[in-house]
């Protein structure tokens, strides 16, 4: 880990080498539980901390970014994902909890860690310091999943992939197809901005301490940028999800807009496909 400019690692080159992997000793690749015991650190409930300890889950995450050149990790914690990532890529990490300084310096010495709130970080600058193609990897705290998703989505033009762990309930909403009752504005906006792939379901026992709910990892590959105002339009359409779309969009054309787009007057927002939302948006700009 580097904390001053003179010792800052050159993030433009990969650090992977076969000899390094073969020479890595047990002290460095110690299980997460052993790292936590050694440094006397416990999860902070106020920060929503649940540490991933499943080697299988970690392996699937790291394999999903194997073709990337640079990695930004948000919330490295005890370095369960950070260490294997750093053996193959330049990694820049952002961590709020300064209790991890000594632990990460010991187990992930080649990783630059910036200690600050990721929601206040200049993600654009940090990403541009990494070689392309780039990925963002994060085991997101449940209590700030929404704001982090928004922050990462805003960087879609600077990354080739997002690999994000979240509460399974949120993941289910993100991937919900047209007609699914779980489909909401989040589903429509994220599916329009990204090609979304379900990577894995992660049970509570894969974490220490185990959460009360299941988690999931989704992969996001950016599509074309969303037009200005489009997300706000979708959110307006879901203002009252159980109401008709005409009712929710009455200030934007209401029933006349719905009819002009060739949609049924009684249609509800969760029933529209992505294409139908795009059509509706186009008609709203004309009208």
C-alpha atoms as a PDB file:
ATOM      1  CA  UNK A   1       0.000   0.000   0.000  1.00  0.00           C
ATOM      2  CA  UNK A   2       1.353   3.439  -0.848  1.00  0.00           C
ATOM      3  CA  UNK A   3       0.304   6.673   0.822  1.00  0.00           C
ATOM      4  CA  UNK A   4       2.696   9.290  -0.550  1.00  0.00           C
ATOM      5  CA  UNK A   5       3.383  10.542  -4.049  1.00  0.00           C
ATOM      6  CA  UNK A   6       7.050   9.504  -4.093  1.00  0.00           C
ATOM      7  CA  UNK A   7       6.171   5.854  -3.472  1.00  0.00           C
ATOM      8  CA  UNK A   8       2.964   5.759  -5.491  1.00  0.00           C
ATOM      9  CA  UNK A   9       2.912   2.635  -7.718  1.00  0.00           C
ATOM     10  CA  UNK A  10       2.799   3.043 -11.462  1.00  0.00           C
ATOM     11  CA  UNK A  11      -0.782   2.056 -12.224  1.00  0.00           C
ATOM     12  CA  UNK A  12      -0.216   1.702 -15.934  1.00  0.00           C
ATOM     13  CA  UNK A  13       1.432  -1.705 -15.784  1.00  0.00           C
ATOM     14  CA  UNK A  14       0.289  -5.100 -14.571  1.00  0.00           C
ATOM     15  CA  UNK A  15       2.222  -6.653 -11.677  1.00  0.00           C
ATOM     16  CA  UNK A  16       1.392 -10.287 -12.436  1.00  0.00           C
ATOM     17  CA  UNK A  17       4.184 -12.798 -12.827  1.00  0.00           C
ATOM     18  CA  UNK A  18       4.242 -16.568 -12.491  1.00  0.00           C
ATOM     19  CA  UNK A  19       7.182 -16.421 -10.109  1.00  0.00           C
ATOM     20  CA  UNK A  20       5.299 -14.058  -7.830  1.00  0.00           C
ATOM     21  CA  UNK A  21       2.274 -16.305  -7.664  1.00  0.00           C
ATOM     22  CA  UNK A  22       4.408 -19.359  -6.947  1.00  0.00           C
ATOM     23  CA  UNK A  23       6.405 -17.538  -4.293  1.00  0.00           C
ATOM     24  CA  UNK A  24       3.475 -16.090  -2.359  1.00  0.00           C
ATOM     25  CA  UNK A  25       3.687 -17.575   1.140  1.00  0.00           C
ATOM     26  CA  UNK A  26       0.892 -18.676   3.437  1.00  0.00           C
ATOM     27  CA  UNK A  27       1.224 -15.570   5.613  1.00  0.00           C
ATOM     28  CA  UNK A  28       0.237 -13.403   2.678  1.00  0.00           C
ATOM     29  CA  UNK A  29      -2.652 -15.556   1.457  1.00  0.00           C
ATOM     30  CA  UNK A  30      -4.011 -16.203   4.948  1.00  0.00           C
ATOM     31  CA  UNK A  31      -7.779 -16.744   5.147  1.00  0.00           C
ATOM     32  CA  UNK A  32      -9.844 -13.674   5.967  1.00  0.00           C
ATOM     33  CA  UNK A  33     -10.791 -15.076   9.372  1.00  0.00           C
ATOM     34  CA  UNK A  34      -7.098 -15.376  10.239  1.00  0.00           C
ATOM     35  CA  UNK A  35      -6.412 -11.815   9.074  1.00  0.00           C
ATOM     36  CA  UNK A  36      -9.218 -10.479  11.246  1.00  0.00           C
ATOM     37  CA  UNK A  37      -7.966 -12.371  14.304  1.00  0.00           C
ATOM     38  CA  UNK A  38      -4.379 -11.259  13.776  1.00  0.00           C
ATOM     39  CA  UNK A  39      -5.286  -7.574  13.624  1.00  0.00           C
ATOM     40  CA  UNK A  40      -8.147  -7.737  16.127  1.00  0.00           C
ATOM     41  CA  UNK A  41     -10.733  -6.184  13.822  1.00  0.00           C
ATOM     42  CA  UNK A  42     -14.468  -6.825  14.004  1.00  0.00           C
ATOM     43  CA  UNK A  43     -17.206  -5.845  11.593  1.00  0.00           C
ATOM     44  CA  UNK A  44     -18.686  -2.398  12.177  1.00  0.00           C
ATOM     45  CA  UNK A  45     -22.479  -2.690  12.062  1.00  0.00           C
ATOM     46  CA  UNK A  46     -22.838   1.051  11.523  1.00  0.00           C
ATOM     47  CA  UNK A  47     -20.924   0.680   8.256  1.00  0.00           C
ATOM     48  CA  UNK A  48     -22.943  -2.349   7.164  1.00  0.00           C
ATOM     49  CA  UNK A  49     -19.844  -4.545   7.090  1.00  0.00           C
ATOM     50  CA  UNK A  50     -20.085  -8.224   6.130  1.00  0.00           C
ATOM     51  CA  UNK A  51     -16.778  -9.701   4.985  1.00  0.00           C
ATOM     52  CA  UNK A  52     -16.736 -12.172   2.117  1.00  0.00           C
ATOM     53  CA  UNK A  53     -14.912 -15.332   3.226  1.00  0.00           C
ATOM     54  CA  UNK A  54     -16.010 -17.800   0.525  1.00  0.00           C
ATOM     55  CA  UNK A  55     -13.049 -18.661  -1.716  1.00  0.00           C
ATOM     56  CA  UNK A  56     -15.416 -19.892  -4.417  1.00  0.00           C
ATOM     57  CA  UNK A  57     -17.331 -16.613  -4.519  1.00  0.00           C
ATOM     58  CA  UNK A  58     -14.078 -14.634  -4.581  1.00  0.00           C
ATOM     59  CA  UNK A  59     -12.756 -16.780  -7.430  1.00  0.00           C
ATOM     60  CA  UNK A  60     -15.818 -16.146  -9.590  1.00  0.00           C
ATOM     61  CA  UNK A  61     -15.541 -12.412  -9.013  1.00  0.00           C
ATOM     62  CA  UNK A  62     -11.849 -12.250  -9.873  1.00  0.00           C
ATOM     63  CA  UNK A  63     -12.283 -14.464 -12.938  1.00  0.00           C
ATOM     64  CA  UNK A  64     -15.008 -12.152 -14.237  1.00  0.00           C
ATOM     65  CA  UNK A  65     -12.500  -9.297 -14.579  1.00  0.00           C
ATOM     66  CA  UNK A  66      -9.545 -11.361 -15.776  1.00  0.00           C
ATOM     67  CA  UNK A  67      -9.605  -9.584 -19.145  1.00  0.00           C
ATOM     68  CA  UNK A  68      -9.441  -6.113 -17.592  1.00  0.00           C
ATOM     69  CA  UNK A  69      -6.206  -4.098 -17.326  1.00  0.00           C
ATOM     70  CA  UNK A  70      -7.000  -1.898 -14.309  1.00  0.00           C
ATOM     71  CA  UNK A  71      -9.304  -2.367 -11.316  1.00  0.00           C
ATOM     72  CA  UNK A  72     -10.944   0.130  -8.974  1.00  0.00           C
ATOM     73  CA  UNK A  73     -12.196  -1.637  -5.852  1.00  0.00           C
ATOM     74  CA  UNK A  74     -14.538   0.150  -3.483  1.00  0.00           C
ATOM     75  CA  UNK A  75     -14.592  -1.196   0.063  1.00  0.00           C
ATOM     76  CA  UNK A  76     -11.667  -3.662   0.146  1.00  0.00           C
ATOM     77  CA  UNK A  77     -12.071  -4.362   3.882  1.00  0.00           C
ATOM     78  CA  UNK A  78      -9.711  -7.202   4.843  1.00  0.00           C
ATOM     79  CA  UNK A  79      -8.653  -7.695   1.224  1.00  0.00           C
ATOM     80  CA  UNK A  80     -10.437 -10.959   0.380  1.00  0.00           C
ATOM     81  CA  UNK A  81     -10.969  -9.809  -3.208  1.00  0.00           C
ATOM     82  CA  UNK A  82      -8.182  -7.223  -3.256  1.00  0.00           C
ATOM     83  CA  UNK A  83      -5.265  -9.628  -2.903  1.00  0.00           C
ATOM     84  CA  UNK A  84      -6.120 -12.001  -5.780  1.00  0.00           C
ATOM     85  CA  UNK A  85      -6.997  -9.020  -7.970  1.00  0.00           C
ATOM     86  CA  UNK A  86      -3.648  -7.386  -7.232  1.00  0.00           C
ATOM     87  CA  UNK A  87      -1.730 -10.482  -8.308  1.00  0.00           C
ATOM     88  CA  UNK A  88      -2.939  -9.922 -11.870  1.00  0.00           C
ATOM     89  CA  UNK A  89      -3.842  -6.233 -12.191  1.00  0.00           C
ATOM     90  CA  UNK A  90      -2.977  -2.745 -11.009  1.00  0.00           C
ATOM     91  CA  UNK A  91      -5.558  -2.111  -8.271  1.00  0.00           C
ATOM     92  CA  UNK A  92      -6.633   1.191  -6.757  1.00  0.00           C
ATOM     93  CA  UNK A  93      -8.890   0.830  -3.704  1.00  0.00           C
ATOM     94  CA  UNK A  94     -11.127   3.271  -1.849  1.00  0.00           C
ATOM     95  CA  UNK A  95     -11.888   2.489   1.790  1.00  0.00           C
ATOM     96  CA  UNK A  96     -13.741   4.520   4.423  1.00  0.00           C
ATOM     97  CA  UNK A  97     -12.677   2.498   7.477  1.00  0.00           C
ATOM     98  CA  UNK A  98      -9.131   3.430   8.499  1.00  0.00           C
ATOM     99  CA  UNK A  99      -8.876   0.413  10.806  1.00  0.00           C
ATOM    100  CA  UNK A 100      -7.748  -1.541   7.730  1.00  0.00           C
ATOM    101  CA  UNK A 101      -4.535   0.463   7.186  1.00  0.00           C
ATOM    102  CA  UNK A 102      -2.102  -1.964   8.816  1.00  0.00           C
ATOM    103  CA  UNK A 103      -3.887  -5.098   7.630  1.00  0.00           C
ATOM    104  CA  UNK A 104      -4.021  -4.015   3.989  1.00  0.00           C
ATOM    105  CA  UNK A 105      -0.436  -2.744   4.118  1.00  0.00           C
ATOM    106  CA  UNK A 106       0.622  -6.213   5.260  1.00  0.00           C
ATOM    107  CA  UNK A 107      -1.456  -8.397   2.960  1.00  0.00           C
ATOM    108  CA  UNK A 108      -1.808  -6.141  -0.101  1.00  0.00           C
ATOM    109  CA  UNK A 109       1.437  -4.101  -0.164  1.00  0.00           C
ATOM    110  CA  UNK A 110       1.237  -3.272  -3.873  1.00  0.00           C
ATOM    111  CA  UNK A 111      -2.270  -1.829  -3.728  1.00  0.00           C
ATOM    112  CA  UNK A 112      -2.761   1.914  -3.425  1.00  0.00           C
ATOM    113  CA  UNK A 113      -5.540   2.531  -0.910  1.00  0.00           C
ATOM    114  CA  UNK A 114      -7.261   5.894  -0.633  1.00  0.00           C
ATOM    115  CA  UNK A 115      -9.005   6.343   2.704  1.00  0.00           C
ATOM    116  CA  UNK A 116     -12.138   8.359   2.129  1.00  0.00           C
ATOM    117  CA  UNK A 117     -15.881   8.033   1.619  1.00  0.00           C
ATOM    118  CA  UNK A 118     -16.433   6.577  -1.859  1.00  0.00           C
ATOM    119  CA  UNK A 119     -19.537   8.744  -2.220  1.00  0.00           C
ATOM    120  CA  UNK A 120     -17.309  11.818  -1.871  1.00  0.00           C
ATOM    121  CA  UNK A 121     -14.449  10.477  -4.001  1.00  0.00           C
ATOM    122  CA  UNK A 122     -13.479  11.760  -7.436  1.00  0.00           C
ATOM    123  CA  UNK A 123     -14.159   8.445  -9.148  1.00  0.00           C
ATOM    124  CA  UNK A 124     -13.473   9.867 -12.602  1.00  0.00           C
ATOM    125  CA  UNK A 125      -9.920  10.884 -11.681  1.00  0.00           C
ATOM    126  CA  UNK A 126      -9.227   7.598  -9.919  1.00  0.00           C
ATOM    127  CA  UNK A 127     -10.462   5.569 -12.877  1.00  0.00           C
ATOM    128  CA  UNK A 128      -8.455   7.575 -15.366  1.00  0.00           C
ATOM    129  CA  UNK A 129      -5.308   6.824 -13.347  1.00  0.00           C
ATOM    130  CA  UNK A 130      -5.789   3.153 -14.220  1.00  0.00           C
ATOM    131  CA  UNK A 131      -4.999   1.486 -17.547  1.00  0.00           C
ATOM    132  CA  UNK A 132      -7.914   0.555 -19.802  1.00  0.00           C
ATOM    133  CA  UNK A 133      -9.926  -1.569 -20.089  1.00  0.00           C
ATOM    134  CA  UNK A 134     -11.098  -0.882 -16.544  1.00  0.00           C
ATOM    135  CA  UNK A 135     -13.523  -2.481 -14.115  1.00  0.00           C
ATOM    136  CA  UNK A 136     -15.085  -1.450 -10.826  1.00  0.00           C
ATOM    137  CA  UNK A 137     -15.428  -4.214  -8.231  1.00  0.00           C
ATOM    138  CA  UNK A 138     -17.298  -3.751  -4.975  1.00  0.00           C
ATOM    139  CA  UNK A 139     -18.909  -5.709  -2.179  1.00  0.00           C
ATOM    140  CA  UNK A 140     -21.307  -2.843  -1.521  1.00  0.00           C
ATOM    141  CA  UNK A 141     -22.589  -2.138   2.007  1.00  0.00           C
ATOM    142  CA  UNK A 142     -26.335  -2.720   2.023  1.00  0.00           C
ATOM    143  CA  UNK A 143     -27.037   0.656   3.622  1.00  0.00           C
ATOM    144  CA  UNK A 144     -25.536   2.690   0.746  1.00  0.00           C
ATOM    145  CA  UNK A 145     -26.245   0.412  -2.224  1.00  0.00           C
ATOM    146  CA  UNK A 146     -28.493   2.943  -3.972  1.00  0.00           C
ATOM    147  CA  UNK A 147     -26.077   5.891  -3.796  1.00  0.00           C
ATOM    148  CA  UNK A 148     -23.148   3.692  -4.835  1.00  0.00           C
ATOM    149  CA  UNK A 149     -25.066   2.334  -7.829  1.00  0.00           C
ATOM    150  CA  UNK A 150     -25.763   5.900  -8.913  1.00  0.00           C
ATOM    151  CA  UNK A 151     -22.118   6.897  -8.446  1.00  0.00           C
ATOM    152  CA  UNK A 152     -20.827   3.917 -10.417  1.00  0.00           C
ATOM    153  CA  UNK A 153     -23.412   4.367 -13.162  1.00  0.00           C
ATOM    154  CA  UNK A 154     -22.223   7.940 -13.635  1.00  0.00           C
ATOM    155  CA  UNK A 155     -18.811   6.528 -14.621  1.00  0.00           C
ATOM    156  CA  UNK A 156     -20.173   4.210 -17.323  1.00  0.00           C
ATOM    157  CA  UNK A 157     -18.149   5.997 -19.992  1.00  0.00           C
ATOM    158  CA  UNK A 158     -14.877   5.280 -18.167  1.00  0.00           C
ATOM    159  CA  UNK A 159     -15.317   1.584 -17.421  1.00  0.00           C
ATOM    160  CA  UNK A 160     -15.874  -1.574 -19.407  1.00  0.00           C
ATOM    161  CA  UNK A 161     -17.436  -3.538 -16.548  1.00  0.00           C
ATOM    162  CA  UNK A 162     -18.951  -3.224 -13.089  1.00  0.00           C
ATOM    163  CA  UNK A 163     -18.936  -6.315 -10.863  1.00  0.00           C
ATOM    164  CA  UNK A 164     -21.058  -5.548  -7.823  1.00  0.00           C
ATOM    165  CA  UNK A 165     -22.182  -7.517  -4.783  1.00  0.00           C
ATOM    166  CA  UNK A 166     -25.489  -6.446  -3.292  1.00  0.00           C
ATOM    167  CA  UNK A 167     -28.517  -7.692  -1.395  1.00  0.00           C
ATOM    168  CA  UNK A 168     -30.294 -10.284  -3.536  1.00  0.00           C
ATOM    169  CA  UNK A 169     -33.570  -8.389  -3.207  1.00  0.00           C
ATOM    170  CA  UNK A 170     -31.979  -5.385  -4.939  1.00  0.00           C
ATOM    171  CA  UNK A 171     -30.425  -7.600  -7.621  1.00  0.00           C
ATOM    172  CA  UNK A 172     -33.828  -9.178  -8.280  1.00  0.00           C
ATOM    173  CA  UNK A 173     -35.297  -5.725  -8.823  1.00  0.00           C
ATOM    174  CA  UNK A 174     -32.501  -4.668 -11.159  1.00  0.00           C
ATOM    175  CA  UNK A 175     -32.937  -7.644 -13.496  1.00  0.00           C
ATOM    176  CA  UNK A 176     -36.754  -7.829 -13.297  1.00  0.00           C
ATOM    177  CA  UNK A 177     -38.217  -8.138 -16.830  1.00  0.00           C
ATOM    178  CA  UNK A 178     -41.305  -6.395 -18.184  1.00  0.00           C
ATOM    179  CA  UNK A 179     -44.427  -7.694 -16.449  1.00  0.00           C
ATOM    180  CA  UNK A 180     -42.613  -8.699 -13.262  1.00  0.00           C
ATOM    181  CA  UNK A 181     -44.135  -7.042 -10.188  1.00  0.00           C
ATOM    182  CA  UNK A 182     -40.615  -6.348  -8.892  1.00  0.00           C
ATOM    183  CA  UNK A 183     -39.828  -4.206 -11.937  1.00  0.00           C
ATOM    184  CA  UNK A 184     -39.384  -0.539 -11.103  1.00  0.00           C
ATOM    185  CA  UNK A 185     -37.566   2.575 -12.249  1.00  0.00           C
ATOM    186  CA  UNK A 186     -34.267   1.049 -11.094  1.00  0.00           C
ATOM    187  CA  UNK A 187     -34.837  -1.968 -13.367  1.00  0.00           C
ATOM    188  CA  UNK A 188     -35.657   0.121 -16.436  1.00  0.00           C
ATOM    189  CA  UNK A 189     -32.838   2.630 -16.008  1.00  0.00           C
ATOM    190  CA  UNK A 190     -30.112   0.080 -15.212  1.00  0.00           C
ATOM    191  CA  UNK A 191     -31.160  -2.255 -18.040  1.00  0.00           C
ATOM    192  CA  UNK A 192     -31.166   0.655 -20.479  1.00  0.00           C
ATOM    193  CA  UNK A 193     -27.722   1.829 -19.426  1.00  0.00           C
ATOM    194  CA  UNK A 194     -26.105  -1.607 -19.028  1.00  0.00           C
ATOM    195  CA  UNK A 195     -26.269  -5.161 -20.261  1.00  0.00           C
ATOM    196  CA  UNK A 196     -26.828  -6.893 -16.919  1.00  0.00           C
ATOM    197  CA  UNK A 197     -25.715 -10.448 -16.155  1.00  0.00           C
ATOM    198  CA  UNK A 198     -26.459 -12.457 -13.021  1.00  0.00           C
ATOM    199  CA  UNK A 199     -23.122 -13.880 -11.934  1.00  0.00           C
ATOM    200  CA  UNK A 200     -23.881 -15.728  -8.716  1.00  0.00           C
ATOM    201  CA  UNK A 201     -26.105 -15.971  -5.665  1.00  0.00           C
ATOM    202  CA  UNK A 202     -24.128 -15.758  -2.423  1.00  0.00           C
ATOM    203  CA  UNK A 203     -25.617 -17.304   0.752  1.00  0.00           C
ATOM    204  CA  UNK A 204     -25.291 -15.712   4.206  1.00  0.00           C
ATOM    205  CA  UNK A 205     -22.716 -18.317   5.241  1.00  0.00           C
ATOM    206  CA  UNK A 206     -20.261 -16.930   2.693  1.00  0.00           C
ATOM    207  CA  UNK A 207     -19.769 -13.879   4.930  1.00  0.00           C
ATOM    208  CA  UNK A 208     -18.433 -13.100   8.380  1.00  0.00           C
ATOM    209  CA  UNK A 209     -20.555 -12.108  10.147  1.00  0.00           C
ATOM    210  CA  UNK A 210     -23.365 -13.645   8.083  1.00  0.00           C
ATOM    211  CA  UNK A 211     -26.099 -11.202   7.045  1.00  0.00           C
ATOM    212  CA  UNK A 212     -29.751 -12.088   7.531  1.00  0.00           C
ATOM    213  CA  UNK A 213     -30.428 -12.141   3.791  1.00  0.00           C
ATOM    214  CA  UNK A 214     -28.967 -13.601   0.623  1.00  0.00           C
ATOM    215  CA  UNK A 215     -26.640 -11.603  -1.596  1.00  0.00           C
ATOM    216  CA  UNK A 216     -25.949 -11.660  -5.319  1.00  0.00           C
ATOM    217  CA  UNK A 217     -23.245 -10.523  -7.710  1.00  0.00           C
ATOM    218  CA  UNK A 218     -24.260  -8.795 -10.933  1.00  0.00           C
ATOM    219  CA  UNK A 219     -22.052  -7.870 -13.881  1.00  0.00           C
ATOM    220  CA  UNK A 220     -22.820  -4.649 -15.758  1.00  0.00           C
ATOM    221  CA  UNK A 221     -21.464  -3.891 -19.236  1.00  0.00           C
ATOM    222  CA  UNK A 222     -22.146  -0.288 -20.332  1.00  0.00           C
ATOM    223  CA  UNK A 223     -24.352   0.421 -23.322  1.00  0.00           C
ATOM    224  CA  UNK A 224     -24.821   3.828 -24.959  1.00  0.00           C
ATOM    225  CA  UNK A 225     -25.195   6.812 -22.641  1.00  0.00           C
ATOM    226  CA  UNK A 226     -28.735   7.676 -21.591  1.00  0.00           C
ATOM    227  CA  UNK A 227     -30.185  10.904 -23.028  1.00  0.00           C
ATOM    228  CA  UNK A 228     -30.503  13.815 -20.619  1.00  0.00           C
ATOM    229  CA  UNK A 229     -33.795  13.681 -18.741  1.00  0.00           C
ATOM    230  CA  UNK A 230     -34.584  10.077 -19.624  1.00  0.00           C
ATOM    231  CA  UNK A 231     -34.022   8.633 -16.144  1.00  0.00           C
ATOM    232  CA  UNK A 232     -36.157  11.384 -14.612  1.00  0.00           C
ATOM    233  CA  UNK A 233     -38.909  10.552 -17.112  1.00  0.00           C
ATOM    234  CA  UNK A 234     -38.841   6.880 -16.094  1.00  0.00           C
ATOM    235  CA  UNK A 235     -38.920   7.768 -12.396  1.00  0.00           C
ATOM    236  CA  UNK A 236     -41.946   9.970 -13.055  1.00  0.00           C
ATOM    237  CA  UNK A 237     -43.633   7.022 -14.750  1.00  0.00           C
ATOM    238  CA  UNK A 238     -43.133   4.934 -11.603  1.00  0.00           C
ATOM    239  CA  UNK A 239     -44.206   7.699  -9.217  1.00  0.00           C
ATOM    240  CA  UNK A 240     -47.093   5.527  -8.032  1.00  0.00           C
ATOM    241  CA  UNK A 241     -46.250   2.024  -9.322  1.00  0.00           C
ATOM    242  CA  UNK A 242     -49.761   0.619  -8.831  1.00  0.00           C
ATOM    243  CA  UNK A 243     -51.390   3.451 -10.747  1.00  0.00           C
ATOM    244  CA  UNK A 244     -51.691   3.494 -14.520  1.00  0.00           C
ATOM    245  CA  UNK A 245     -48.891   5.034 -16.519  1.00  0.00           C
ATOM    246  CA  UNK A 246     -51.326   7.636 -17.863  1.00  0.00           C
ATOM    247  CA  UNK A 247     -52.047   8.755 -14.308  1.00  0.00           C
ATOM    248  CA  UNK A 248     -48.376   8.943 -13.341  1.00  0.00           C
ATOM    249  CA  UNK A 249     -47.475  10.914 -16.468  1.00  0.00           C
ATOM    250  CA  UNK A 250     -50.502  13.191 -16.499  1.00  0.00           C
ATOM    251  CA  UNK A 251     -48.238  16.259 -16.249  1.00  0.00           C
ATOM    252  CA  UNK A 252     -46.300  15.048 -19.288  1.00  0.00           C
ATOM    253  CA  UNK A 253     -49.187  14.293 -21.610  1.00  0.00           C
ATOM    254  CA  UNK A 254     -51.025  11.579 -19.713  1.00  0.00           C
ATOM    255  CA  UNK A 255     -53.553   9.541 -21.688  1.00  0.00           C
ATOM    256  CA  UNK A 256     -52.806  11.373 -24.942  1.00  0.00           C
ATOM    257  CA  UNK A 257     -49.117  10.493 -24.662  1.00  0.00           C
ATOM    258  CA  UNK A 258     -49.899   6.848 -23.909  1.00  0.00           C
ATOM    259  CA  UNK A 259     -52.215   6.645 -26.924  1.00  0.00           C
ATOM    260  CA  UNK A 260     -49.694   8.329 -29.243  1.00  0.00           C
ATOM    261  CA  UNK A 261     -47.136   5.668 -28.327  1.00  0.00           C
ATOM    262  CA  UNK A 262     -49.593   2.898 -29.197  1.00  0.00           C
ATOM    263  CA  UNK A 263     -49.936   1.644 -25.631  1.00  0.00           C
ATOM    264  CA  UNK A 264     -53.070   0.489 -23.821  1.00  0.00           C
ATOM    265  CA  UNK A 265     -54.721   3.180 -21.704  1.00  0.00           C
ATOM    266  CA  UNK A 266     -54.713   0.857 -18.683  1.00  0.00           C
ATOM    267  CA  UNK A 267     -51.046  -0.128 -18.885  1.00  0.00           C
ATOM    268  CA  UNK A 268     -48.979   0.128 -15.711  1.00  0.00           C
ATOM    269  CA  UNK A 269     -45.325   1.146 -15.619  1.00  0.00           C
ATOM    270  CA  UNK A 270     -43.897  -2.277 -14.758  1.00  0.00           C
ATOM    271  CA  UNK A 271     -45.528  -3.790 -17.857  1.00  0.00           C
ATOM    272  CA  UNK A 272     -43.514  -1.805 -20.409  1.00  0.00           C
ATOM    273  CA  UNK A 273     -40.520  -3.301 -22.167  1.00  0.00           C
ATOM    274  CA  UNK A 274     -37.341  -1.302 -22.627  1.00  0.00           C
ATOM    275  CA  UNK A 275     -38.294  -0.625 -26.255  1.00  0.00           C
ATOM    276  CA  UNK A 276     -41.727   0.652 -25.195  1.00  0.00           C
ATOM    277  CA  UNK A 277     -40.135   3.009 -22.686  1.00  0.00           C
ATOM    278  CA  UNK A 278     -37.871   4.348 -25.419  1.00  0.00           C
ATOM    279  CA  UNK A 279     -40.866   4.809 -27.730  1.00  0.00           C
ATOM    280  CA  UNK A 280     -42.819   6.585 -25.008  1.00  0.00           C
ATOM    281  CA  UNK A 281     -39.855   8.866 -24.311  1.00  0.00           C
ATOM    282  CA  UNK A 282     -39.543   9.739 -27.996  1.00  0.00           C
ATOM    283  CA  UNK A 283     -43.233  10.653 -28.206  1.00  0.00           C
ATOM    284  CA  UNK A 284     -42.958  12.777 -25.061  1.00  0.00           C
ATOM    285  CA  UNK A 285     -40.246  14.857 -26.728  1.00  0.00           C
ATOM    286  CA  UNK A 286     -42.454  15.426 -29.785  1.00  0.00           C
ATOM    287  CA  UNK A 287     -45.527  16.273 -27.752  1.00  0.00           C
END
